[in-house]
Amino acid sequence: MSCDASIFFIKLSYSVHTLRRNHQTSCLIHE
């Protein structure tokens, strides 16, 4: 695996984790 690919996957997993966390937070605020 190239360095660019690993960096891409790290950013991808990080953004997915952030979106999921933001979604949970917005749901809590909505309730």
C-alpha atoms as a PDB file:
ATOM      1  CA  MET A   1       0.000   0.000   0.000  1.00  0.00           C
ATOM      2  CA  SER A   2       1.385   3.406  -0.912  1.00  0.00           C
ATOM      3  CA  CYS A   3       1.682   6.275   1.540  1.00  0.00           C
ATOM      4  CA  ASP A   4      -0.966   8.280  -0.313  1.00  0.00           C
ATOM      5  CA  ALA A   5      -3.437   5.415  -0.046  1.00  0.00           C
ATOM      6  CA  SER A   6      -2.855   4.973   3.689  1.00  0.00           C
ATOM      7  CA  ILE A   7      -3.243   8.708   4.279  1.00  0.00           C
ATOM      8  CA  PHE A   8      -6.462   8.658   2.256  1.00  0.00           C
ATOM      9  CA  PHE A   9      -7.898   5.829   4.349  1.00  0.00           C
ATOM     10  CA  ILE A  10      -6.874   7.550   7.573  1.00  0.00           C
ATOM     11  CA  LYS A  11      -8.640  10.742   6.496  1.00  0.00           C
ATOM     12  CA  LEU A  12     -11.651   8.751   5.319  1.00  0.00           C
ATOM     13  CA  SER A  13     -12.041   6.844   8.594  1.00  0.00           C
ATOM     14  CA  TYR A  14     -11.446  10.042  10.576  1.00  0.00           C
ATOM     15  CA  SER A  15     -14.111  12.001   8.669  1.00  0.00           C
ATOM     16  CA  VAL A  16     -16.591   9.115   8.986  1.00  0.00           C
ATOM     17  CA  HIS A  17     -15.932   8.979  12.739  1.00  0.00           C
ATOM     18  CA  THR A  18     -16.402  12.757  13.016  1.00  0.00           C
ATOM     19  CA  LEU A  19     -19.642  12.694  11.022  1.00  0.00           C
ATOM     20  CA  ARG A  20     -20.997   9.887  13.185  1.00  0.00           C
ATOM     21  CA  ARG A  21     -20.079  11.745  16.374  1.00  0.00           C
ATOM     22  CA  ASN A  22     -21.630  14.985  15.092  1.00  0.00           C
ATOM     23  CA  HIS A  23     -24.788  13.084  14.141  1.00  0.00           C
ATOM     24  CA  GLN A  24     -25.105  11.631  17.652  1.00  0.00           C
ATOM     25  CA  THR A  25     -24.542  15.077  19.163  1.00  0.00           C
ATOM     26  CA  SER A  26     -27.174  16.724  16.959  1.00  0.00           C
ATOM     27  CA  CYS A  27     -29.631  13.938  17.820  1.00  0.00           C
ATOM     28  CA  LEU A  28     -29.042  14.512  21.537  1.00  0.00           C
ATOM     29  CA  ILE A  29     -29.551  18.256  21.108  1.00  0.00           C
ATOM     30  CA  HIS A  30     -32.686  17.654  19.039  1.00  0.00           C
ATOM     31  CA  GLU A  31     -34.189  15.575  21.840  1.00  0.00           C
END
